[in-house]
Amino acid sequence: MSRIGKLPIAIPGGVQVSVSDTNLVTVKGKLGELTQQIDPKITIRIEDNTVFVKRSTDEKDDRSKHGLYRSLLSNMIKGVSDGFTIIQEMVGVGYKALATGQVLELSLGFSHNLMLELPKEVAVQTTAEKGKNPTIILKSHDKQLLGQVASKIRSFRKPEPYKGKGIRFQGEEIKKKAGKSAAGA
């Protein structure tokens, strides 16, 4: 049995989980509402504020989906109750970020600033303290959408391996390479 799939999911107070006849799971909480279509071979059972995920057979495809859907449901429940946060650092001289509503303006050393319009489900905040790298703070109840937005922002200027300049996730380690060695005699 899947080690992740067999774990029960506790439903915190203020969160409602419902399953329709077509295996559409809806999770409602104080931060929003999320839905996920579940494969028909996977069954969802709700008992005493606990969600159980079961599979019908031991085929390879069913085993792989068992843990997947359990993780997706767990992230949905955590998202609508607590939410998720991703912090990104901008390392480089002159790199700046400015958030105006749902538009993020990035100055990354190109000839022009990049403008990125964020989905309404993602809240953005920027900080710029003297002596520290500028940061972008993204918050949302939808973990998948939050990861896609953070990945898109990072793709504008990935950290390069020689000086480490670029946009990185907070705490991310960049393996640095040695530069060219001096031309020796």
Protein backbone atom coordinates (compact mmCIF):
# COMPACT_ATOMS: atom_id res chain seq x y z
CA MET A 1 0.00 0.00 0.00
CA SER A 2 1.13 3.56 -0.65
CA ARG A 3 2.77 4.95 2.45
CA ILE A 4 1.44 8.43 1.72
CA GLY A 5 -1.95 7.30 0.41
CA LYS A 6 -2.91 5.30 3.48
CA LEU A 7 -2.44 8.23 5.87
CA PRO A 8 -5.72 9.81 7.00
CA ILE A 9 -6.21 13.57 6.58
CA ALA A 10 -7.56 15.47 9.59
CA ILE A 11 -10.09 18.19 8.78
CA PRO A 12 -9.49 21.29 10.95
CA GLY A 13 -12.34 23.38 12.34
CA GLY A 14 -13.96 25.77 9.87
CA VAL A 15 -13.18 23.58 6.85
CA GLN A 16 -15.90 21.73 4.93
CA VAL A 17 -15.11 18.83 2.59
CA SER A 18 -17.76 17.40 0.28
CA VAL A 19 -17.63 14.71 -2.43
CA SER A 20 -20.15 14.64 -5.29
CA ASP A 21 -21.37 11.59 -7.20
CA THR A 22 -18.94 12.39 -10.05
CA ASN A 23 -15.92 12.25 -7.69
CA LEU A 24 -15.58 16.05 -7.57
CA VAL A 25 -14.12 17.05 -4.19
CA THR A 26 -14.90 20.55 -2.92
CA VAL A 27 -13.03 22.04 0.02
CA LYS A 28 -14.28 25.30 1.61
CA GLY A 29 -12.51 27.27 4.29
CA LYS A 30 -11.92 30.78 5.60
CA LEU A 31 -9.37 31.57 2.84
CA GLY A 32 -11.35 30.30 -0.15
CA GLU A 33 -12.75 27.33 -2.01
CA LEU A 34 -10.92 24.68 -4.07
CA THR A 35 -12.19 21.81 -6.23
CA GLN A 36 -10.43 18.73 -7.60
CA GLN A 37 -11.69 16.02 -9.93
CA ILE A 38 -10.70 12.58 -8.59
CA ASP A 39 -10.12 9.48 -10.74
CA PRO A 40 -13.08 7.04 -10.51
CA LYS A 41 -10.80 4.21 -9.34
CA ILE A 42 -9.97 6.20 -6.18
CA THR A 43 -12.66 6.51 -3.49
CA ILE A 44 -12.89 9.27 -0.91
CA ARG A 45 -14.56 8.56 2.43
CA ILE A 46 -15.24 11.18 5.13
CA GLU A 47 -15.73 10.01 8.75
CA ASP A 48 -15.53 12.01 11.99
CA ASN A 49 -13.63 15.02 10.56
CA THR A 50 -11.15 12.70 8.83
CA VAL A 51 -10.73 12.00 5.12
CA PHE A 52 -9.66 8.53 3.95
CA VAL A 53 -8.39 7.84 0.42
CA LYS A 54 -8.75 4.25 -0.86
CA ARG A 55 -7.97 2.58 -4.19
CA SER A 56 -9.86 -0.22 -5.89
CA THR A 57 -6.98 -2.40 -7.17
CA ASP A 58 -3.25 -2.86 -6.78
CA GLU A 59 -2.42 -2.01 -10.39
CA LYS A 60 0.57 0.26 -10.91
CA ASP A 61 -1.52 3.16 -12.20
CA ASP A 62 -3.91 2.97 -9.22
CA ARG A 63 -1.02 2.80 -6.75
CA SER A 64 0.56 5.93 -8.22
CA LYS A 65 -2.73 7.87 -8.15
CA HIS A 66 -3.46 6.82 -4.56
CA GLY A 67 -0.65 8.89 -3.06
CA LEU A 68 -1.13 11.70 -5.58
CA TYR A 69 -4.76 12.37 -4.74
CA ARG A 70 -4.14 12.06 -1.01
CA SER A 71 -1.40 14.73 -1.29
CA LEU A 72 -3.60 16.98 -3.42
CA LEU A 73 -6.47 16.76 -0.90
CA SER A 74 -4.11 17.38 2.02
CA ASN A 75 -2.72 20.50 0.29
CA MET A 76 -6.24 21.74 -0.48
CA ILE A 77 -7.31 21.38 3.17
CA LYS A 78 -4.14 23.07 4.45
CA GLY A 79 -4.50 25.83 1.86
CA VAL A 80 -8.05 26.89 2.70
CA SER A 81 -7.33 26.83 6.45
CA ASP A 82 -3.75 28.22 6.73
CA GLY A 83 -2.61 29.21 3.22
CA PHE A 84 0.81 28.93 1.61
CA THR A 85 3.67 31.43 1.31
CA ILE A 86 6.66 31.53 -1.04
CA ILE A 87 9.48 34.04 -0.56
CA GLN A 88 11.87 34.82 -3.43
CA GLU A 89 15.10 36.82 -3.22
CA MET A 90 16.48 38.98 -6.03
CA VAL A 91 20.28 38.83 -6.06
CA GLY A 92 21.98 41.33 -8.35
CA VAL A 93 22.97 44.98 -8.56
CA GLY A 94 19.99 47.16 -9.43
CA TYR A 95 17.40 44.36 -9.26
CA LYS A 96 14.09 45.74 -7.97
CA ALA A 97 10.48 44.64 -7.58
CA LEU A 98 7.40 46.80 -7.13
CA ALA A 99 3.90 45.47 -6.50
CA THR A 100 0.92 47.62 -7.46
CA GLY A 101 -2.31 45.73 -6.86
CA GLN A 102 -2.10 42.52 -8.90
CA VAL A 103 0.69 43.80 -11.17
CA LEU A 104 4.31 42.99 -10.35
CA GLU A 105 6.94 45.23 -11.97
CA LEU A 106 10.43 43.71 -12.12
CA SER A 107 13.64 45.55 -12.93
CA LEU A 108 16.15 42.78 -13.74
CA GLY A 109 18.86 44.49 -15.79
CA PHE A 110 17.05 44.32 -19.11
CA SER A 111 16.55 47.42 -21.25
CA HIS A 112 12.95 47.60 -20.01
CA ASN A 113 11.03 46.61 -16.89
CA LEU A 114 8.98 43.41 -16.95
CA MET A 115 5.30 43.64 -15.97
CA LEU A 116 3.54 40.49 -14.74
CA GLU A 117 -0.17 40.44 -13.98
CA LEU A 118 -0.88 37.95 -11.21
CA PRO A 119 -4.09 35.91 -10.76
CA LYS A 120 -6.55 37.30 -8.21
CA GLU A 121 -5.99 34.27 -5.93
CA VAL A 122 -2.33 35.24 -5.39
CA ALA A 123 -1.44 38.12 -3.06
CA VAL A 124 1.93 39.77 -3.67
CA GLN A 125 4.09 41.94 -1.45
CA THR A 126 7.60 43.29 -2.04
CA THR A 127 10.24 44.44 0.42
CA ALA A 128 13.45 46.35 -0.14
CA GLU A 129 15.60 46.93 2.95
CA LYS A 130 18.97 48.62 2.80
CA GLY A 131 21.80 46.10 2.91
CA LYS A 132 19.54 43.15 2.07
CA ASN A 133 18.37 41.64 -1.18
CA PRO A 134 14.91 42.73 -2.39
CA THR A 135 12.28 40.07 -1.76
CA ILE A 136 8.97 39.06 -3.33
CA ILE A 137 6.43 37.48 -0.96
CA LEU A 138 3.63 35.48 -2.61
CA LYS A 139 0.63 34.15 -0.63
CA SER A 140 -2.31 32.03 -1.76
CA HIS A 141 -4.65 29.25 -0.69
CA ASP A 142 -3.96 27.31 -3.94
CA LYS A 143 -0.55 25.61 -3.73
CA GLN A 144 -0.45 24.59 -7.42
CA LEU A 145 -1.20 28.09 -8.69
CA LEU A 146 1.25 29.64 -6.23
CA GLY A 147 4.04 27.33 -7.44
CA GLN A 148 3.31 28.14 -11.09
CA VAL A 149 3.44 31.90 -10.45
CA ALA A 150 6.68 31.61 -8.44
CA SER A 151 8.25 29.48 -11.18
CA LYS A 152 7.23 32.03 -13.83
CA ILE A 153 8.84 34.87 -11.84
CA ARG A 154 12.01 32.81 -11.35
CA SER A 155 12.18 32.02 -15.09
CA PHE A 156 12.71 35.70 -15.94
CA ARG A 157 16.22 35.60 -14.43
CA LYS A 158 17.34 32.18 -13.17
CA PRO A 159 20.33 32.17 -10.79
CA GLU A 160 23.52 31.83 -12.79
CA PRO A 161 26.26 29.51 -11.48
CA TYR A 162 29.24 31.90 -11.48
CA LYS A 163 28.16 34.85 -9.32
CA GLY A 164 24.77 33.55 -8.21
CA LYS A 165 22.85 36.54 -9.58
CA GLY A 166 19.17 36.07 -10.37
CA ILE A 167 15.87 35.29 -8.66
CA ARG A 168 15.99 32.41 -6.19
CA PHE A 169 13.74 30.91 -3.57
CA GLN A 170 14.62 31.88 0.00
CA GLY A 171 17.03 29.32 1.43
CA GLU A 172 17.87 27.84 -1.99
CA GLU A 173 21.51 26.84 -2.35
CA ILE A 174 23.18 27.66 -5.66
CA LYS A 175 26.18 25.51 -6.58
CA LYS A 176 28.80 27.92 -7.82
CA LYS A 177 31.33 27.04 -10.49
CA ALA A 178 34.91 28.20 -10.65
CA GLY A 179 35.52 30.82 -13.30
CA LYS A 180 38.21 30.72 -15.94
CA SER A 181 41.66 30.21 -14.51
CA ALA A 182 44.26 32.77 -15.39
CA ALA A 183 46.26 32.04 -18.51
CA GLY A 184 49.41 30.52 -17.08
CA ALA A 185 52.89 30.40 -18.46
